[in-house]
Amino acid sequence: MKKRTAALLLALALALPLGGCASQPAADDTAGERVVQYGLSNAWDSLMPYNSPSGSNYSRIIYDKIYDRLAYVHADGTLTARAAQSWESVDGGYGIEFHLDPDCAFHDGTPVTAEHWAETIALLTDGACPTLGRSAFSVLTGTDESGVATGTEALGAEAVEEYTLKLTFKNPTTPEDFLLDKNREYYVLPTHLLEGVDPSEVMELDLWTAPVGSGPCVFVSEVTGSSLTLKANADYQLGAPGFDTLVITVMDKSSLLTALIAGDLDYYAFGGSVTEDNAPTAEAAGFTVSEGTTPNTFYELMLNCETVSDARIRRAVEYALDKELLCEQSTGGHGAVTGTSILPSCESYPGPGETTRNLELSMGLLEEAGYDGEVYTLACTSNRSGLAALMQQQLDEAGIATTIETVDSATLFAGMSDGVYDMAIASHTPSALPLWFVESRFSAENNIFHVDDLTPYLSDIDAIRAETDKDARAALVAELDGLLGEERPFIPLWFGTALHVESNTVTGIDYESSSFCNENVWEWEKQ
């Protein structure tokens, strides 16, 4: 049998994936059937995509296979067709029309139409429907802040033609921003199988124990919390995946690499990592270890602008830090220093900014600000204690006194929010959206940097969101980035990339580690 090629693009939050072993292939090609063994370190919590208590990647990686999304969001932030062949902005930026692929069909053979999409959104925004995934619809007109349809105006989801879905938004929204931000939250349901069902009873249907979707994989069987068996959807509009059967097995993350080497798995995702320490083990077993090309983490030093109130002192802190050395220690050389939170893959990327250490400038700013030797608290988690110690040493060389407090992650963020700490080391999962970082942190509800006057930031953020012209938007992003550089409410440190193992048994699998919307999308080459 001639093997087809399967390719899986994994966009991960914090975990790093591994690929198959060349010397002991696990993919079963016996009896003419192509079986791929896939490992996860944690189980999904539901097979109904709008009923996940955790909303975790472990669940999303399952939904992505059974159900369809409007588009693919690739690791570099680019978009390509999936359920929608194309899309365009309408109504002065307040609406988007999605032109659906007429070849899309549910696994029972029913064509997927715009009406299915509109009915899905109408059902889930019904206040009587006990969905856990409704907040994603709060951006649409006719909904309140929690995503419940108000009934006072038309819901912003309608089928304007059989295969044209129109979404209408409360604020101007570009198709790119919507898909980068929300694509992972929007799945089409087989509403033709839900006719006559009371919205309050939707989540209890037996349908979700043997779901019918329209994605690239068809449900076969499940052992709750342990394993899931899927088969390739031969009629998927973009072509069938390059396997016949996919078996997803949950096992302890400490066993994943062992299982891979033993040939019991072809690959795994989420929960394991390739580090400088265990990369030699993977290489000795026949793997090829290489570095990803897309950042999957963003490091920053959070600053409390109430206690470190002078922007000159905050900038002095940045100039005192040797970002190159800090990045090298933290990532083992798998990172790039930055002066901005905006990814280079973003269309509005303003450039890396100033990243070079300058002790003379740092000390000059401290003198100008009248710094009197106040001791600042620097919070970190235990796994970053070495990084904090190196920061403390570098700050001391500039004359900035600090004391380190080692706490757990929840305490660290709560302490920054409550104003307990002056500084804290944090990392995040980046996105190609220009406002992915700042928009959620410069608000009255989450002013984690304790900025005294949010007005200039909010003004710039609103202007960026409303601007649909790419060049004008890039200029506005640069303006906001300049304001952040001058005031420095937080200090961007570096973007980190992941080590991954290239697959040799399941050819063509792309293990790029990234975070963009946590997309786990199927790509394949048909032979």
Protein backbone atom coordinates (compact mmCIF):
# COMPACT_ATOMS: atom_id res chain seq x y z
CA MET A 1 0.00 0.00 0.00
CA LYS A 2 1.32 3.41 -0.87
CA LYS A 3 1.42 5.54 2.27
CA ARG A 4 -0.30 8.86 2.25
CA THR A 5 1.28 11.72 4.13
CA ALA A 6 -0.35 13.12 7.24
CA ALA A 7 0.67 16.47 8.60
CA LEU A 8 -0.40 17.95 11.87
CA LEU A 9 0.31 21.54 12.79
CA LEU A 10 0.30 21.91 16.55
CA ALA A 11 0.05 25.42 17.96
CA LEU A 12 0.74 24.94 21.62
CA ALA A 13 0.52 27.16 24.62
CA LEU A 14 3.33 26.09 26.92
CA ALA A 15 3.96 22.41 26.13
CA LEU A 16 6.42 21.17 23.56
CA PRO A 17 5.54 18.23 21.28
CA LEU A 18 7.57 15.24 20.21
CA GLY A 19 7.65 13.23 17.01
CA GLY A 20 8.04 9.57 16.09
CA CYS A 21 11.17 7.42 16.32
CA ALA A 22 12.91 6.41 13.12
CA SER A 23 14.28 3.10 14.34
CA GLN A 24 11.07 1.65 15.79
CA PRO A 25 8.06 2.95 13.86
CA ALA A 26 4.79 2.72 15.78
CA ALA A 27 2.42 3.63 12.99
CA ASP A 28 0.64 0.41 12.08
CA ASP A 29 0.53 -0.25 8.35
CA THR A 30 -0.33 -3.92 8.66
CA ALA A 31 -3.30 -5.40 6.83
CA GLY A 32 -3.39 -2.33 4.62
CA GLU A 33 -4.59 -0.04 7.41
CA ARG A 34 -2.71 3.08 8.41
CA VAL A 35 -3.07 3.46 12.19
CA VAL A 36 -1.44 6.41 13.93
CA GLN A 37 -0.88 6.29 17.71
CA TYR A 38 -1.12 9.69 19.38
CA GLY A 39 -0.31 10.46 23.02
CA LEU A 40 -1.73 13.06 25.41
CA SER A 41 -0.66 13.67 29.01
CA ASN A 42 -4.14 14.79 30.09
CA ALA A 43 -7.64 13.80 29.04
CA TRP A 44 -10.23 15.97 27.30
CA ASP A 45 -13.18 16.80 29.54
CA SER A 46 -16.01 16.67 27.01
CA LEU A 47 -16.78 15.70 23.42
CA MET A 48 -19.22 18.62 23.12
CA PRO A 49 -17.13 21.65 22.10
CA TYR A 50 -19.25 24.17 24.02
CA ASN A 51 -19.38 22.18 27.27
CA SER A 52 -15.75 22.04 28.39
CA PRO A 53 -15.26 23.06 32.06
CA SER A 54 -11.56 23.66 31.51
CA GLY A 55 -11.54 25.07 27.98
CA SER A 56 -8.12 23.46 27.80
CA ASN A 57 -5.93 22.54 24.87
CA TYR A 58 -6.43 18.89 25.75
CA SER A 59 -10.08 19.33 24.81
CA ARG A 60 -9.50 21.66 21.87
CA ILE A 61 -7.15 19.20 20.23
CA ILE A 62 -10.07 16.75 20.15
CA TYR A 63 -12.70 19.25 18.98
CA ASP A 64 -10.47 20.35 16.12
CA LYS A 65 -10.54 16.86 14.66
CA ILE A 66 -14.25 16.03 15.05
CA TYR A 67 -15.71 19.48 14.34
CA ASP A 68 -14.92 22.15 11.78
CA ARG A 69 -13.78 25.74 12.20
CA LEU A 70 -14.11 28.61 9.79
CA ALA A 71 -10.40 28.87 9.04
CA TYR A 72 -6.93 27.57 9.75
CA VAL A 73 -4.75 29.77 11.95
CA HIS A 74 -1.16 28.82 11.24
CA ALA A 75 1.80 29.14 13.58
CA ASP A 76 2.98 32.35 11.92
CA GLY A 77 -0.45 33.96 12.29
CA THR A 78 -1.44 33.54 8.65
CA LEU A 79 -4.92 32.34 7.73
CA THR A 80 -6.12 29.84 5.16
CA ALA A 81 -9.46 28.33 4.25
CA ARG A 82 -11.17 25.60 6.18
CA ALA A 83 -14.99 25.55 6.42
CA ALA A 84 -14.97 29.02 4.84
CA GLN A 85 -13.35 29.42 1.43
CA SER A 86 -13.01 33.19 1.81
CA TRP A 87 -14.15 36.14 3.91
CA GLU A 88 -14.51 39.88 3.59
CA SER A 89 -15.21 42.91 5.75
CA VAL A 90 -18.60 44.61 5.25
CA ASP A 91 -20.68 47.39 6.81
CA GLY A 92 -17.74 49.69 7.38
CA GLY A 93 -15.83 47.12 9.41
CA TYR A 94 -18.74 46.14 11.67
CA GLY A 95 -19.48 42.93 9.77
CA ILE A 96 -17.73 39.98 8.17
CA GLU A 97 -19.18 37.73 5.49
CA PHE A 98 -17.84 34.18 5.32
CA HIS A 99 -18.29 32.33 2.04
CA LEU A 100 -18.59 28.70 3.08
CA ASP A 101 -17.24 25.75 1.14
CA PRO A 102 -20.31 24.05 -0.43
CA ASP A 103 -18.51 20.69 -0.21
CA CYS A 104 -18.56 20.77 3.61
CA ALA A 105 -20.73 18.00 5.04
CA PHE A 106 -21.48 16.51 8.43
CA HIS A 107 -20.40 12.95 9.05
CA ASP A 108 -23.98 11.78 8.43
CA GLY A 109 -23.78 13.22 4.90
CA THR A 110 -25.87 16.36 5.53
CA PRO A 111 -24.41 19.46 3.78
CA VAL A 112 -23.17 22.18 6.14
CA THR A 113 -24.89 25.47 5.34
CA ALA A 114 -24.77 29.00 6.71
CA GLU A 115 -28.02 28.19 8.47
CA HIS A 116 -26.23 25.54 10.56
CA TRP A 117 -23.68 28.13 11.66
CA ALA A 118 -26.34 30.75 12.45
CA GLU A 119 -28.48 28.20 14.31
CA THR A 120 -25.46 27.04 16.32
CA ILE A 121 -24.80 30.58 17.52
CA ALA A 122 -28.50 31.25 18.18
CA LEU A 123 -28.74 28.09 20.28
CA LEU A 124 -25.66 28.80 22.35
CA THR A 125 -26.58 32.44 23.02
CA ASP A 126 -30.01 31.36 24.27
CA GLY A 127 -30.03 32.10 28.00
CA ALA A 128 -31.70 28.77 28.71
CA CYS A 129 -28.83 26.80 27.13
CA PRO A 130 -26.34 25.84 29.89
CA THR A 131 -23.26 26.17 27.69
CA LEU A 132 -19.81 26.82 29.16
CA GLY A 133 -18.48 28.39 25.96
CA ARG A 134 -20.85 31.30 25.43
CA SER A 135 -18.57 34.23 26.25
CA ALA A 136 -16.93 33.94 22.82
CA PHE A 137 -20.16 35.30 21.31
CA SER A 138 -20.23 38.46 23.44
CA VAL A 139 -18.50 40.33 20.59
CA LEU A 140 -21.61 39.94 18.42
CA THR A 141 -24.46 42.43 18.31
CA GLY A 142 -27.57 41.37 20.15
CA THR A 143 -25.66 39.82 23.08
CA ASP A 144 -24.74 41.02 26.54
CA GLU A 145 -21.25 40.91 28.09
CA SER A 146 -21.60 37.21 28.90
CA GLY A 147 -22.72 36.27 25.38
CA VAL A 148 -26.44 35.82 26.13
CA ALA A 149 -28.83 37.05 23.44
CA THR A 150 -30.67 40.08 24.77
CA GLY A 151 -33.66 39.92 22.45
CA THR A 152 -33.63 43.70 22.13
CA GLU A 153 -31.87 43.68 18.75
CA ALA A 154 -31.09 41.14 16.07
CA LEU A 155 -28.41 38.59 16.89
CA GLY A 156 -25.26 39.26 14.88
CA ALA A 157 -25.24 35.87 13.15
CA GLU A 158 -27.32 35.30 10.04
CA ALA A 159 -27.39 33.20 6.89
CA VAL A 160 -27.65 35.80 4.13
CA GLU A 161 -27.39 33.08 1.48
CA GLU A 162 -27.24 29.28 1.61
CA TYR A 163 -23.45 29.32 1.89
CA THR A 164 -22.82 32.87 3.15
CA LEU A 165 -22.64 33.51 6.88
CA LYS A 166 -22.62 37.08 8.14
CA LEU A 167 -21.38 38.02 11.61
CA THR A 168 -22.04 41.52 12.92
CA PHE A 169 -19.98 43.01 15.72
CA LYS A 170 -20.44 45.62 18.43
CA ASN A 171 -17.15 47.24 17.46
CA PRO A 172 -15.26 47.46 14.15
CA THR A 173 -13.48 44.14 13.73
CA THR A 174 -11.22 43.01 10.91
CA PRO A 175 -11.56 39.42 9.70
CA GLU A 176 -7.94 38.80 10.69
CA ASP A 177 -8.47 40.02 14.25
CA PHE A 178 -11.64 37.99 14.67
CA LEU A 179 -10.12 34.76 13.39
CA LEU A 180 -6.88 35.12 15.31
CA ASP A 181 -8.82 35.81 18.50
CA LYS A 182 -11.97 33.70 18.24
CA ASN A 183 -11.55 31.03 15.56
CA ARG A 184 -10.73 28.37 18.14
CA GLU A 185 -14.03 29.09 19.93
CA TYR A 186 -16.43 28.76 16.96
CA TYR A 187 -17.48 25.28 15.83
CA VAL A 188 -20.50 24.37 13.74
CA LEU A 189 -22.94 21.89 15.29
CA PRO A 190 -25.33 19.48 13.51
CA THR A 191 -28.40 21.57 14.35
CA HIS A 192 -30.52 19.44 12.01
CA LEU A 193 -30.19 16.75 14.70
CA LEU A 194 -31.30 19.16 17.42
CA GLU A 195 -34.69 20.15 16.02
CA GLY A 196 -37.34 20.26 18.72
CA VAL A 197 -34.80 19.93 21.56
CA ASP A 198 -35.30 22.35 24.44
CA PRO A 199 -32.16 24.53 24.78
CA SER A 200 -32.00 23.70 28.48
CA GLU A 201 -31.55 20.00 27.64
CA VAL A 202 -29.01 20.28 24.81
CA MET A 203 -25.94 19.45 26.89
CA GLU A 204 -27.50 16.22 28.19
CA LEU A 205 -28.11 14.61 24.80
CA ASP A 206 -26.66 11.21 23.95
CA LEU A 207 -25.44 12.86 20.74
CA TRP A 208 -22.35 14.10 22.59
CA THR A 209 -21.28 10.57 23.56
CA ALA A 210 -21.06 9.68 19.86
CA PRO A 211 -20.78 13.12 18.25
CA VAL A 212 -21.52 13.97 14.63
CA GLY A 213 -19.28 16.75 13.38
CA SER A 214 -17.98 17.93 10.02
CA GLY A 215 -14.25 17.87 10.75
CA PRO A 216 -11.46 15.76 9.23
CA CYS A 217 -12.02 12.88 11.66
CA VAL A 218 -15.10 10.75 12.43
CA PHE A 219 -15.86 9.47 15.93
CA VAL A 220 -15.54 5.70 16.42
CA SER A 221 -15.32 4.99 20.15
CA GLU A 222 -14.20 6.38 23.50
CA VAL A 223 -13.00 5.03 26.82
CA THR A 224 -13.72 8.04 29.03
CA GLY A 225 -10.56 9.67 30.30
CA SER A 226 -8.36 7.02 28.71
CA SER A 227 -8.56 6.72 24.92
CA LEU A 228 -10.37 7.92 21.84
CA THR A 229 -10.52 6.26 18.44
CA LEU A 230 -11.26 8.26 15.30
CA LYS A 231 -11.20 7.42 11.62
CA ALA A 232 -10.31 9.63 8.68
CA ASN A 233 -13.19 11.51 7.09
CA ALA A 234 -12.79 10.41 3.48
CA ASP A 235 -15.20 13.14 2.34
CA TYR A 236 -13.58 16.08 4.13
CA GLN A 237 -13.70 19.08 1.81
CA LEU A 238 -9.94 19.66 1.91
CA GLY A 239 -9.08 15.99 1.45
CA ALA A 240 -8.84 13.04 3.80
CA PRO A 241 -6.08 12.94 6.43
CA GLY A 242 -3.15 10.69 5.57
CA PHE A 243 -4.18 7.82 7.83
CA ASP A 244 -7.09 5.46 8.26
CA THR A 245 -7.38 5.38 12.05
CA LEU A 246 -6.17 7.71 14.77
CA VAL A 247 -5.91 6.34 18.32
CA ILE A 248 -5.43 8.97 21.03
CA THR A 249 -4.18 7.57 24.34
CA VAL A 250 -3.79 9.36 27.67
CA MET A 251 -0.66 8.50 29.65
CA ASP A 252 1.51 10.10 32.30
CA LYS A 253 3.80 12.68 30.78
CA SER A 254 6.84 10.96 32.29
CA SER A 255 6.05 7.93 30.11
CA LEU A 256 5.58 9.75 26.81
CA LEU A 257 9.19 9.86 25.68
CA THR A 258 9.71 6.27 26.80
CA ALA A 259 6.65 5.17 24.82
CA LEU A 260 7.90 7.06 21.79
CA ILE A 261 11.32 5.41 21.95
CA ALA A 262 9.73 1.99 22.48
CA GLY A 263 7.62 2.50 19.36
CA ASP A 264 4.28 2.51 21.20
CA LEU A 265 3.53 6.05 20.01
CA ASP A 266 4.05 7.84 16.72
CA TYR A 267 3.98 11.24 18.39
CA TYR A 268 2.51 13.10 21.30
CA ALA A 269 1.41 16.61 22.09
CA PHE A 270 0.92 18.62 25.27
CA GLY A 271 2.43 17.77 28.60
CA GLY A 272 5.96 16.84 27.63
CA SER A 273 8.95 18.81 26.48
CA VAL A 274 12.29 18.52 24.81
CA THR A 275 14.95 20.38 26.78
CA GLU A 276 18.67 20.76 26.57
CA ASP A 277 18.84 18.01 29.21
CA ASN A 278 16.76 15.33 27.50
CA ALA A 279 17.47 16.23 23.88
CA PRO A 280 20.54 13.94 23.85
CA THR A 281 18.34 11.02 24.94
CA ALA A 282 15.94 11.72 22.08
CA GLU A 283 18.81 12.02 19.60
CA ALA A 284 20.42 8.80 20.82
CA ALA A 285 17.12 7.03 20.17
CA GLY A 286 17.16 8.11 16.54
CA PHE A 287 15.23 11.38 16.67
CA THR A 288 16.26 14.59 14.98
CA VAL A 289 15.92 17.49 17.43
CA SER A 290 15.58 20.99 16.03
CA GLU A 291 14.41 24.40 17.13
CA GLY A 292 11.05 25.81 16.14
CA THR A 293 10.89 28.96 14.07
CA THR A 294 7.86 30.56 15.73
CA PRO A 295 7.97 31.95 19.30
CA ASN A 296 5.83 30.07 21.79
CA THR A 297 6.55 32.08 24.94
CA PHE A 298 6.89 35.74 25.82
CA TYR A 299 8.81 36.81 28.94
CA GLU A 300 8.33 40.13 30.66
CA LEU A 301 9.13 41.90 33.89
CA MET A 302 5.91 43.28 35.35
CA LEU A 303 6.29 46.60 37.14
CA ASN A 304 4.08 48.21 39.74
CA CYS A 305 3.73 51.78 38.46
CA GLU A 306 2.28 52.89 41.80
CA THR A 307 5.31 51.91 43.87
CA VAL A 308 7.86 52.39 41.08
CA SER A 309 6.09 55.59 40.13
CA ASP A 310 8.75 57.39 38.10
CA ALA A 311 9.00 56.23 34.47
CA ARG A 312 12.68 57.17 34.51
CA ILE A 313 13.32 54.56 37.21
CA ARG A 314 11.34 51.97 35.29
CA ARG A 315 13.42 52.66 32.19
CA ALA A 316 16.57 52.54 34.33
CA VAL A 317 15.57 49.02 35.40
CA GLU A 318 15.35 47.99 31.76
CA TYR A 319 18.74 49.48 30.82
CA ALA A 320 20.31 47.75 33.83
CA LEU A 321 19.27 44.31 32.58
CA ASP A 322 21.47 42.30 30.24
CA LYS A 323 18.64 40.74 28.28
CA GLU A 324 20.94 38.67 26.12
CA LEU A 325 22.48 36.95 29.14
CA LEU A 326 19.11 36.51 30.86
CA CYS A 327 17.60 35.04 27.70
CA GLU A 328 20.53 32.66 27.25
CA GLN A 329 20.16 31.36 30.81
CA SER A 330 16.41 30.97 30.55
CA THR A 331 16.09 29.45 27.08
CA GLY A 332 19.45 27.81 26.46
CA GLY A 333 19.87 30.02 23.43
CA HIS A 334 16.41 29.28 22.02
CA GLY A 335 15.06 32.80 22.25
CA ALA A 336 15.41 36.34 20.94
CA VAL A 337 15.44 39.47 23.10
CA THR A 338 12.84 42.15 22.41
CA GLY A 339 11.73 45.60 23.41
CA THR A 340 8.11 44.99 22.38
CA SER A 341 5.34 42.49 23.09
CA ILE A 342 4.37 42.43 19.39
CA LEU A 343 5.45 39.36 17.45
CA PRO A 344 7.62 39.82 14.36
CA SER A 345 5.01 37.85 12.39
CA CYS A 346 2.37 40.51 13.11
CA GLU A 347 1.62 42.81 10.16
CA SER A 348 1.92 45.78 12.52
CA TYR A 349 5.29 44.75 13.99
CA PRO A 350 7.09 48.02 14.82
CA GLY A 351 10.55 46.46 15.14
CA PRO A 352 12.33 44.98 18.18
CA GLY A 353 13.06 48.32 19.83
CA GLU A 354 16.04 49.05 22.09
CA THR A 355 17.33 45.90 23.79
CA THR A 356 20.99 46.66 24.59
CA ARG A 357 22.18 46.96 28.18
CA ASN A 358 23.43 50.45 29.08
CA LEU A 359 24.56 50.81 32.70
CA GLU A 360 25.70 54.41 32.23
CA LEU A 361 22.27 55.46 30.92
CA SER A 362 20.57 53.47 33.68
CA MET A 363 22.51 55.20 36.43
CA GLY A 364 21.98 58.59 34.80
CA LEU A 365 18.19 58.06 34.76
CA LEU A 366 18.27 57.00 38.43
CA GLU A 367 20.18 60.16 39.39
CA GLU A 368 17.82 62.32 37.34
CA ALA A 369 14.80 60.73 39.05
CA GLY A 370 16.30 61.18 42.51
CA TYR A 371 16.35 57.46 43.33
CA ASP A 372 17.36 57.15 46.98
CA GLY A 373 18.18 53.45 47.28
CA GLU A 374 14.67 52.16 47.95
CA VAL A 375 14.57 48.37 48.05
CA TYR A 376 12.10 46.86 45.59
CA THR A 377 10.51 43.42 45.92
CA LEU A 378 11.09 41.09 42.96
CA ALA A 379 8.64 38.19 42.90
CA CYS A 380 9.24 34.95 41.02
CA THR A 381 8.18 31.32 40.98
CA SER A 382 10.61 28.64 42.19
CA ASN A 383 11.57 27.56 38.68
CA ARG A 384 12.74 31.11 37.96
CA SER A 385 14.70 31.68 41.14
CA GLY A 386 18.01 31.48 39.26
CA LEU A 387 16.77 34.00 36.72
CA ALA A 388 15.64 36.32 39.52
CA ALA A 389 19.05 36.04 41.22
CA LEU A 390 20.82 37.05 38.01
CA MET A 391 18.42 39.97 37.57
CA GLN A 392 19.08 41.03 41.15
CA GLN A 393 22.83 41.00 40.51
CA GLN A 394 22.49 43.07 37.33
CA LEU A 395 20.20 45.60 38.98
CA ASP A 396 22.63 45.90 41.90
CA GLU A 397 25.41 46.78 39.44
CA ALA A 398 23.34 49.80 38.44
CA GLY A 399 22.63 50.68 42.05
CA ILE A 400 19.04 49.38 42.19
CA ALA A 401 18.35 47.42 45.37
CA THR A 402 15.98 44.43 45.31
CA THR A 403 14.85 41.59 47.53
CA ILE A 404 13.53 38.36 46.01
CA GLU A 405 10.29 36.70 47.08
CA THR A 406 9.68 33.18 45.75
CA VAL A 407 5.97 32.29 45.54
CA ASP A 408 3.64 30.13 43.46
CA SER A 409 2.19 31.46 40.22
CA ALA A 410 -1.26 32.24 41.63
CA THR A 411 0.24 34.21 44.51
CA LEU A 412 2.56 36.06 42.14
CA PHE A 413 -0.23 37.36 39.91
CA ALA A 414 -2.55 38.03 42.83
CA GLY A 415 0.25 39.96 44.53
CA MET A 416 0.88 42.09 41.46
CA SER A 417 -2.84 42.72 41.08
CA ASP A 418 -3.11 43.74 44.74
CA GLY A 419 0.01 45.91 44.61
CA VAL A 420 2.01 43.73 47.01
CA TYR A 421 5.11 43.42 44.79
CA ASP A 422 7.13 46.03 42.94
CA MET A 423 8.29 43.68 40.19
CA ALA A 424 7.55 40.13 39.05
CA ILE A 425 8.89 37.82 36.34
CA ALA A 426 6.17 36.35 34.12
CA SER A 427 5.75 34.50 30.85
CA HIS A 428 2.81 34.23 28.50
CA THR A 429 1.66 32.52 25.33
CA PRO A 430 1.91 35.09 22.50
CA SER A 431 -0.44 35.75 19.62
CA ALA A 432 -0.13 37.45 16.25
CA LEU A 433 -2.73 40.02 17.29
CA PRO A 434 -1.03 43.39 17.87
CA LEU A 435 -3.07 43.97 21.04
CA TRP A 436 -2.89 40.42 22.39
CA PHE A 437 -0.88 41.48 25.45
CA VAL A 438 -1.79 45.06 26.24
CA GLU A 439 -5.54 45.03 25.63
CA SER A 440 -6.32 42.75 28.57
CA ARG A 441 -3.89 44.47 30.94
CA PHE A 442 -4.76 48.10 30.41
CA SER A 443 -8.33 48.09 31.61
CA ALA A 444 -10.13 49.18 34.77
CA GLU A 445 -10.88 45.51 35.49
CA ASN A 446 -7.29 44.32 35.09
CA ASN A 447 -4.92 47.22 35.63
CA ILE A 448 -2.23 44.81 36.81
CA PHE A 449 0.56 47.37 36.33
CA HIS A 450 -1.32 49.96 38.44
CA VAL A 451 -1.06 52.66 35.81
CA ASP A 452 -2.38 55.92 37.26
CA ASP A 453 -4.00 57.18 34.05
CA LEU A 454 -5.15 54.59 31.53
CA THR A 455 -6.62 57.17 29.15
CA PRO A 456 -3.69 57.42 26.68
CA TYR A 457 -3.45 53.64 26.41
CA LEU A 458 -7.18 53.11 26.04
CA SER A 459 -7.35 55.82 23.39
CA ASP A 460 -4.61 54.16 21.33
CA ILE A 461 -6.14 50.69 21.81
CA ASP A 462 -9.57 51.88 20.65
CA ALA A 463 -8.03 53.58 17.62
CA ILE A 464 -6.14 50.41 16.64
CA ARG A 465 -9.24 48.25 16.99
CA ALA A 466 -11.28 50.61 14.82
CA GLU A 467 -8.68 51.00 12.06
CA THR A 468 -9.04 48.60 9.13
CA ASP A 469 -6.38 50.10 6.83
CA LYS A 470 -3.19 48.06 7.33
CA ASP A 471 -0.75 50.95 6.95
CA ALA A 472 -2.75 53.26 9.21
CA ARG A 473 -3.07 50.49 11.78
CA ALA A 474 0.69 49.83 11.71
CA ALA A 475 1.28 53.53 12.41
CA LEU A 476 -1.11 53.45 15.36
CA VAL A 477 0.53 50.31 16.75
CA ALA A 478 3.93 52.02 16.51
CA GLU A 479 2.48 55.01 18.37
CA LEU A 480 1.21 52.79 21.19
CA ASP A 481 4.50 50.92 21.31
CA GLY A 482 6.31 54.23 21.59
CA LEU A 483 4.11 55.23 24.53
CA LEU A 484 4.83 51.91 26.22
CA GLY A 485 8.55 52.39 25.65
CA GLU A 486 8.50 55.87 27.17
CA GLU A 487 6.40 54.98 30.21
CA ARG A 488 7.56 51.35 30.57
CA PRO A 489 4.73 49.93 32.72
CA PHE A 490 6.25 46.53 31.91
CA ILE A 491 9.58 45.47 30.45
CA PRO A 492 9.53 43.09 27.46
CA LEU A 493 12.40 40.63 27.80
CA TRP A 494 12.39 37.98 25.07
CA PHE A 495 10.41 35.59 22.94
CA GLY A 496 11.31 31.94 23.38
CA THR A 497 11.08 29.14 20.83
CA ALA A 498 10.65 25.42 21.44
CA LEU A 499 12.79 22.40 20.74
CA HIS A 500 10.93 19.68 18.91
CA VAL A 501 11.63 16.27 17.50
CA GLU A 502 11.13 15.74 13.80
CA SER A 503 9.01 12.74 12.93
CA ASN A 504 10.44 10.05 10.72
CA THR A 505 7.66 7.49 10.91
CA VAL A 506 4.63 9.71 10.34
CA THR A 507 6.14 11.74 7.55
CA GLY A 508 5.33 15.36 7.04
CA ILE A 509 4.14 16.08 10.57
CA ASP A 510 4.99 19.65 11.45
CA TYR A 511 5.79 20.00 15.14
CA GLU A 512 6.12 23.76 15.13
CA SER A 513 5.44 24.95 18.66
CA SER A 514 3.39 28.08 18.88
CA SER A 515 0.38 29.58 20.53
CA PHE A 516 -1.71 31.30 17.95
CA CYS A 517 -5.24 30.54 19.10
CA ASN A 518 -4.02 27.10 20.14
CA GLU A 519 -4.95 25.83 16.71
CA ASN A 520 -4.32 22.13 16.18
CA VAL A 521 -5.05 21.96 12.51
CA TRP A 522 -4.73 19.17 10.00
CA GLU A 523 -2.79 19.68 6.84
CA TRP A 524 -2.03 16.91 4.43
CA GLU A 525 -0.44 16.13 1.11
CA LYS A 526 -2.47 13.80 -1.08
CA GLN A 527 -0.51 11.25 -3.10
